[in-house]
Amino acid sequence: MPDLVDVVPATPEGEYRRALPFDDGTEQVVDFGAFLRASRHPGIRAWLDPARFASCRIQDGELVWGDHDLCFPVADLYLNRIDHRLAAAAAG
């Protein structure tokens, strides 16, 4: 992985999946569904609303929802490492 990489506009690939192109030409299709469903935190589970989840945007090279209510490290997106077990552990 390069030292510095940004997400460029993402496109929907399903209810909780997004195709994430990066400015170095790499692309990942990331499924956020397992992460959202595994969380017991109401602030994270609120993003299970498909319309709300669809409101993601790119800000400063990062994929964010709301006022950074939900965001993921760019390195994890780049390597497609969204771990739903972390969501469950954080809530537990």
Foldseek 3Di string as FASTA:
>chain_A
DDPDKFWDDWDDPDQQWIWTAIPVGQIDTAGCVLLLVLAPDPLSVVCSPSVQVVQWDGDPRFTAGDPNSDGDPVVCNRVRNPDSVVRNVVRD
